[in-house]
Protein backbone atom coordinates (compact mmCIF):
# COMPACT_ATOMS: atom_id res chain seq x y z
CA UNK A 1 -9.61 -7.55 -26.80
CA UNK A 2 -9.98 -6.60 -22.64
CA UNK A 3 -9.13 -3.13 -21.63
CA UNK A 4 -9.39 -1.36 -18.02
CA UNK A 5 -10.12 2.35 -18.33
CA UNK A 6 -9.46 4.31 -15.41
CA UNK A 7 -10.92 1.46 -12.87
CA UNK A 8 -10.94 2.23 -8.84
CA UNK A 9 -11.87 0.30 -6.02
CA UNK A 10 -11.73 0.81 -2.00
CA UNK A 11 -12.63 -1.75 0.55
CA UNK A 12 -13.95 1.04 3.07
CA UNK A 13 -11.25 3.17 3.77
CA UNK A 14 -8.53 1.25 2.05
CA UNK A 15 -7.87 1.90 -1.96
CA UNK A 16 -7.37 -0.95 -3.88
CA UNK A 17 -7.25 0.13 -6.89
CA UNK A 18 -6.29 3.90 -8.25
CA UNK A 19 -7.30 4.64 -11.65
CA UNK A 20 -6.07 1.15 -13.65
CA UNK A 21 -5.58 1.63 -17.20
CA UNK A 22 -3.89 -1.14 -19.35
CA UNK A 23 -4.68 -3.12 -22.40
CA UNK A 24 -4.10 -7.04 -22.93
CA UNK A 25 -2.73 -7.78 -26.37
CA UNK A 26 -4.93 -10.51 -28.07
CA UNK A 27 -3.23 -13.91 -28.47
CA UNK A 28 -0.53 -13.28 -26.08
CA UNK A 29 0.68 -14.62 -22.23
CA UNK A 30 0.96 -11.37 -20.08
CA UNK A 31 2.88 -11.50 -17.04
CA UNK A 32 0.48 -9.42 -14.24
CA UNK A 33 3.15 -8.88 -11.22
CA UNK A 34 3.20 -6.88 -8.25
CA UNK A 35 3.64 -7.46 -4.00
CA UNK A 36 1.41 -8.76 -2.20
CA UNK A 37 -1.47 -6.49 -1.95
CA UNK A 38 -0.94 -4.35 -5.35
CA UNK A 39 -4.33 -5.40 -6.25
CA UNK A 40 -3.70 -7.81 -8.84
CA UNK A 41 -6.30 -10.41 -7.27
CA UNK A 42 -8.90 -7.61 -7.24
CA UNK A 43 -8.74 -6.17 -10.64
CA UNK A 44 -9.05 -10.05 -11.71
CA UNK A 45 -12.05 -10.47 -9.79
CA UNK A 46 -13.22 -6.89 -11.63
CA UNK A 47 -12.29 -8.61 -14.93
CA UNK A 48 -14.36 -11.45 -14.36
CA UNK A 49 -17.16 -9.41 -12.61
CA UNK A 50 -16.80 -11.40 -9.57
CA UNK A 51 -16.85 -7.60 -8.13
CA UNK A 52 -18.08 -4.47 -9.41
CA UNK A 53 -15.44 -1.45 -9.54
CA UNK A 54 -16.54 1.64 -7.34
CA UNK A 55 -15.17 4.02 -10.63
CA UNK A 56 -13.92 3.29 -14.35
CA UNK A 57 -14.81 0.13 -16.70
CA UNK A 58 -13.41 -2.90 -18.03
CA UNK A 59 -13.70 -3.68 -21.84
CA UNK A 60 -14.24 -6.31 -23.45
CA UNK A 61 -14.37 -6.48 -26.98
CA UNK A 62 -15.53 -2.80 -26.55
CA UNK A 63 -18.33 -3.94 -24.19
CA UNK A 64 -18.18 -3.03 -20.58
CA UNK A 65 -18.22 -6.52 -18.20
CA UNK A 66 -20.82 -4.94 -16.49
CA UNK A 67 -22.96 -5.07 -19.68
CA UNK A 68 -22.33 -8.51 -20.99
CA UNK A 69 -24.61 -11.43 -21.17
CA UNK A 70 -23.66 -14.65 -19.55
CA UNK A 71 -23.46 -16.07 -22.98
CA UNK A 72 -20.61 -13.47 -23.47
CA UNK A 73 -18.92 -14.50 -20.14
CA UNK A 74 -18.03 -17.58 -21.48
CA UNK A 75 -15.22 -16.10 -23.66
CA UNK A 76 -13.32 -16.00 -20.28
CA UNK A 77 -11.57 -18.68 -18.05
CA UNK A 78 -10.89 -18.05 -14.84
CA UNK A 79 -8.62 -20.25 -12.10
CA UNK A 80 -8.56 -18.10 -8.82
CA UNK A 81 -6.08 -18.54 -6.40
CA UNK A 82 -7.24 -21.13 -4.55
CA UNK A 83 -9.47 -23.27 -6.53
CA UNK A 84 -12.89 -24.00 -5.68
CA UNK A 85 -13.35 -27.44 -5.55
CA UNK A 86 -15.51 -30.28 -4.42
CA UNK A 87 -13.60 -32.62 -2.25
CA UNK A 88 -15.73 -35.31 -2.48
CA UNK A 89 -16.57 -35.65 -6.74
CA UNK A 90 -14.16 -37.36 -8.46
CA UNK A 91 -12.14 -35.22 -10.57
CA UNK A 92 -14.47 -36.24 -13.55
CA UNK A 93 -17.47 -35.89 -11.89
CA UNK A 94 -16.10 -32.33 -10.85
CA UNK A 95 -15.44 -31.42 -14.70
CA UNK A 96 -18.70 -33.24 -15.58
CA UNK A 97 -20.46 -31.24 -13.18
CA UNK A 98 -18.68 -27.97 -13.84
CA UNK A 99 -19.66 -28.53 -17.66
CA UNK A 100 -23.18 -29.09 -17.13
CA UNK A 101 -23.74 -26.08 -15.46
CA UNK A 102 -22.14 -24.28 -17.87
CA UNK A 103 -24.82 -25.38 -20.32
CA UNK A 104 -23.09 -28.21 -22.28
CA UNK A 105 -24.95 -31.30 -23.46
CA UNK A 106 -24.09 -35.12 -21.94
CA UNK A 107 -22.47 -35.81 -25.00
CA UNK A 108 -20.36 -32.45 -25.44
CA UNK A 109 -19.50 -32.38 -21.87
CA UNK A 110 -17.57 -36.29 -22.15
CA UNK A 111 -16.02 -34.98 -25.42
CA UNK A 112 -14.21 -31.89 -23.98
CA UNK A 113 -13.59 -33.66 -20.75
CA UNK A 114 -11.85 -36.24 -22.72
CA UNK A 115 -9.83 -33.65 -24.79
CA UNK A 116 -8.47 -31.85 -21.23
CA UNK A 117 -7.46 -35.15 -19.71
CA UNK A 118 -4.41 -35.44 -21.90
CA UNK A 119 -3.30 -31.76 -21.56
CA UNK A 120 -3.73 -31.15 -18.15
CA UNK A 121 -2.31 -34.17 -17.09
CA UNK A 122 -5.13 -35.92 -15.28
CA UNK A 123 -5.59 -39.29 -16.89
CA UNK A 124 -4.11 -41.22 -13.84
CA UNK A 125 -6.50 -39.38 -11.25
CA UNK A 126 -9.53 -39.10 -13.22
CA UNK A 127 -11.11 -41.31 -10.76
CA UNK A 128 -9.71 -40.34 -7.61
CA UNK A 129 -11.68 -37.83 -5.05
CA UNK A 130 -10.63 -34.64 -4.72
CA UNK A 131 -9.80 -34.75 -1.39
CA UNK A 132 -7.44 -37.27 -2.47
CA UNK A 133 -5.30 -35.01 -4.81
CA UNK A 134 -1.79 -33.47 -4.10
CA UNK A 135 -1.60 -29.90 -4.41
CA UNK A 136 -0.30 -29.94 -7.89
CA UNK A 137 -3.27 -31.98 -9.48
CA UNK A 138 -5.95 -29.77 -7.69
CA UNK A 139 -4.40 -26.90 -9.79
CA UNK A 140 -4.48 -28.88 -12.54
CA UNK A 141 -8.12 -29.81 -12.32
CA UNK A 142 -8.90 -26.04 -11.65
CA UNK A 143 -7.06 -25.39 -14.84
CA UNK A 144 -9.17 -28.10 -16.55
CA UNK A 145 -12.31 -26.64 -15.52
CA UNK A 146 -11.12 -23.11 -16.65
CA UNK A 147 -10.54 -24.60 -20.24
CA UNK A 148 -14.02 -26.55 -20.15
CA UNK A 149 -15.66 -23.82 -22.71
CA UNK A 150 -12.20 -23.42 -24.95
CA UNK A 151 -12.53 -19.76 -24.07
CA UNK A 152 -10.02 -17.60 -25.97
CA UNK A 153 -8.88 -15.16 -22.72
CA UNK A 154 -7.55 -17.13 -19.52
CA UNK A 155 -7.52 -15.26 -16.33
CA UNK A 156 -5.09 -17.20 -14.25
CA UNK A 157 -4.31 -16.13 -10.37
CA UNK A 158 -1.38 -17.81 -8.97
CA UNK A 159 -1.64 -20.79 -10.68
CA UNK A 160 1.68 -22.17 -9.38
CA UNK A 161 1.12 -21.28 -5.79
CA UNK A 162 1.80 -24.24 -3.29
CA UNK A 163 3.62 -26.28 -5.93
CA UNK A 164 6.94 -28.12 -6.19
CA UNK A 165 9.65 -27.35 -8.83
CA UNK A 166 8.04 -30.34 -11.10
CA UNK A 167 4.72 -29.56 -10.88
CA UNK A 168 5.35 -25.90 -11.38
CA UNK A 169 7.50 -26.35 -14.47
CA UNK A 170 4.37 -28.57 -16.06
CA UNK A 171 2.11 -26.22 -15.22
CA UNK A 172 3.86 -23.51 -16.98
CA UNK A 173 4.74 -25.77 -19.76
CA UNK A 174 0.82 -25.99 -20.44
CA UNK A 175 0.18 -22.36 -20.13
CA UNK A 176 2.75 -21.42 -22.67
CA UNK A 177 1.51 -24.18 -24.99
CA UNK A 178 -1.99 -22.27 -24.55
CA UNK A 179 -0.99 -19.01 -24.83
CA UNK A 180 -0.04 -19.85 -28.70
CA UNK A 181 -3.58 -19.48 -29.75
CA UNK A 182 -5.55 -17.81 -26.53
CA UNK A 183 -5.04 -14.32 -24.42
CA UNK A 184 -3.49 -15.09 -21.25
CA UNK A 185 -3.52 -13.18 -17.84
CA UNK A 186 -1.17 -14.56 -15.43
CA UNK A 187 -0.87 -13.55 -12.14
CA UNK A 188 2.88 -14.87 -10.74
CA UNK A 189 6.01 -14.13 -8.23
CA UNK A 190 8.03 -16.48 -10.46
CA UNK A 191 10.22 -13.95 -12.14
CA UNK A 192 12.56 -16.66 -13.76
CA UNK A 193 9.93 -17.90 -15.90
CA UNK A 194 8.59 -14.58 -17.54
CA UNK A 195 11.22 -14.19 -20.08
CA UNK A 196 10.27 -17.49 -21.44
CA UNK A 197 6.80 -17.47 -21.05
CA UNK A 198 5.01 -13.85 -21.32
CA UNK A 199 5.33 -11.54 -24.41
CA UNK A 200 4.16 -8.71 -22.21
CA UNK A 201 4.58 -7.93 -18.58
CA UNK A 202 2.69 -5.56 -16.04
CA UNK A 203 3.56 -4.17 -12.79
CA UNK A 204 0.90 -3.25 -10.40
CA UNK A 205 2.19 -1.43 -7.47
CA UNK A 206 -0.40 0.85 -4.87
CA UNK A 207 -3.08 0.18 -7.39
CA UNK A 208 -0.99 1.75 -10.20
CA UNK A 209 0.26 0.23 -13.37
CA UNK A 210 3.98 1.39 -12.94
CA UNK A 211 5.48 -0.68 -15.81
CA UNK A 212 3.99 -1.71 -19.31
CA UNK A 213 6.28 -3.34 -21.70
CA UNK A 214 8.31 -6.57 -22.61
CA UNK A 215 10.17 -8.91 -20.45
CA UNK A 216 13.29 -7.47 -22.04
CA UNK A 217 12.43 -3.71 -21.53
CA UNK A 218 11.77 -4.53 -17.77
CA UNK A 219 15.05 -5.99 -17.31
CA UNK A 220 16.95 -2.57 -18.85
CA UNK A 221 14.82 -1.26 -15.39
CA UNK A 222 17.43 -2.85 -13.86
CA UNK A 223 19.10 -0.26 -11.49
CA UNK A 224 22.75 -2.16 -11.33
CA UNK A 225 22.97 -2.62 -15.33
CA UNK A 226 25.90 0.28 -14.94
CA UNK A 227 27.88 -2.39 -13.42
CA UNK A 228 30.92 -4.41 -15.45
CA UNK A 229 32.69 -7.51 -14.55
CA UNK A 230 36.66 -7.16 -14.97
CA UNK A 231 38.74 -9.86 -14.37
CA UNK A 232 42.65 -9.54 -14.89
CA UNK A 233 45.77 -11.66 -15.24
CA UNK A 234 47.35 -9.55 -12.21
CA UNK A 235 47.02 -6.08 -11.20
CA UNK A 236 49.43 -3.23 -10.76
CA UNK A 237 49.58 -1.84 -7.49
CA UNK A 238 47.56 1.20 -6.66
CA UNK A 239 45.16 -0.92 -9.43
CA UNK A 240 41.74 0.40 -7.59
CA UNK A 241 43.12 4.03 -7.79
CA UNK A 242 44.41 3.93 -11.46
CA UNK A 243 40.80 2.90 -12.69
CA UNK A 244 39.25 5.09 -10.77
CA UNK A 245 41.71 7.72 -12.55
CA UNK A 246 39.48 6.70 -16.08
CA UNK A 247 36.79 9.28 -17.06
CA UNK A 248 34.62 6.29 -17.67
CA UNK A 249 34.43 4.66 -14.18
CA UNK A 250 32.34 6.11 -11.53
CA UNK A 251 33.80 3.57 -8.95
CA UNK A 252 35.32 0.37 -8.52
CA UNK A 253 34.58 -2.50 -6.10
CA UNK A 254 37.10 -4.83 -5.50
CA UNK A 255 35.38 -8.71 -5.78
CA UNK A 256 38.56 -10.80 -5.32
CA UNK A 257 42.63 -10.38 -6.18
CA UNK A 258 41.75 -10.30 -9.92
CA UNK A 259 38.09 -9.66 -9.96
CA UNK A 260 36.61 -5.99 -10.24
CA UNK A 261 32.97 -4.53 -10.47
CA UNK A 262 33.38 -1.48 -12.42
CA UNK A 263 30.51 1.33 -11.95
CA UNK A 264 29.88 3.61 -15.08
CA UNK A 265 27.96 4.01 -18.07
CA UNK A 266 28.14 1.32 -19.64
CA UNK A 267 24.46 1.36 -21.50
CA UNK A 268 26.92 3.41 -23.91
CA UNK A 269 29.28 1.27 -26.20
CA UNK A 270 31.85 3.82 -26.47
CA UNK A 271 32.36 4.17 -22.88
CA UNK A 272 33.22 0.51 -22.69
CA UNK A 273 35.33 1.05 -26.05
CA UNK A 274 37.11 3.56 -24.01
CA UNK A 275 37.63 1.93 -21.29
CA UNK A 276 39.38 -0.94 -23.16
CA UNK A 277 41.80 1.20 -24.67
CA UNK A 278 42.59 2.84 -21.19
CA UNK A 279 43.37 -0.60 -20.06
CA UNK A 280 45.58 -1.25 -22.87
CA UNK A 281 47.38 1.80 -22.50
CA UNK A 282 48.30 1.23 -18.82
CA UNK A 283 48.86 -2.56 -19.68
CA UNK A 284 46.36 -4.28 -17.41
CA UNK A 285 45.38 -7.72 -19.36
CA UNK A 286 41.92 -8.37 -20.04
CA UNK A 287 40.97 -12.09 -19.38
CA UNK A 288 37.23 -10.52 -19.19
CA UNK A 289 35.32 -8.04 -19.75
CA UNK A 290 31.56 -8.29 -19.52
CA UNK A 291 28.36 -6.28 -18.23
CA UNK A 292 26.30 -8.35 -15.27
CA UNK A 293 23.60 -10.23 -16.57
CA UNK A 294 20.19 -8.00 -16.23
CA UNK A 295 17.99 -8.94 -13.08
CA UNK A 296 14.43 -8.89 -13.54
CA UNK A 297 14.26 -9.24 -9.82
CA UNK A 298 16.05 -6.24 -9.06
CA UNK A 299 14.10 -4.42 -11.74
CA UNK A 300 10.97 -5.61 -10.05
CA UNK A 301 12.17 -4.48 -6.78
CA UNK A 302 12.96 -1.14 -8.06
CA UNK A 303 9.75 -0.32 -9.91
CA UNK A 304 7.64 -1.22 -6.62
CA UNK A 305 9.81 0.74 -4.28
CA UNK A 306 9.62 3.44 -6.61
CA UNK A 307 6.56 5.90 -5.11
CA UNK A 308 3.43 5.35 -7.42
CA UNK A 309 2.04 8.68 -8.92
């Protein structure tokens, strides 16, 4: 169990974290979202003890991280945004070195690195120098080193930065598989993957958590969720004026000759029913009547544009 309690951090006069409070659910993937400069990387570094908070604390299983032993920190695997690698070493040499400095024996190291080759997709490059690897393979090497001790907690800071779409797909698939058995904190800007990958979402803005909930609950914060798409076979003259006379319609936007966007309180199902009855009364044939899909992008923009407390 990981919990942030009133965590503050400033660099000089610049406040980065302002009383950060949240808890990670065990055995889940938490998407950690926020604009650049929101404080995500700083809070991750505090969690892994690479930085110290100015005020407040981070608890791991009830113990402040500042009081944890080196052994206890083996529960956390950390992949920074810019993975520190030794370019002159081969992939095998680097993983072997990383394991040995963590206290693993030679036989255990050989066995563990062998276990990670397939899931991390490194079999084809084990003997290659890291300097010759693509960005995607370097990220895989960084993820493999984070997994060496099989930690129950993974902290991944922008693991898909600089990857092409195929590489992103592979890395996220692996993270999803890891999330079935580990607690994962995943910082990402790729919102389209959040609904399928994450159980929980945290949105950080100006050092505050401005949203904490499920991906669906975040989508419900889409400010455009009041939009309904209407397609008719034909529309009578003065159609827009007629629709604006409907009590449930606040505004009509003409998209094409037969497609309209109706602004109203469509979260209320009875309003949709009353709208359908209005259309039927005025003999307006309905080819399509559907809510516009909720958008995490619009919800994210709305949440991070709001003024933090």
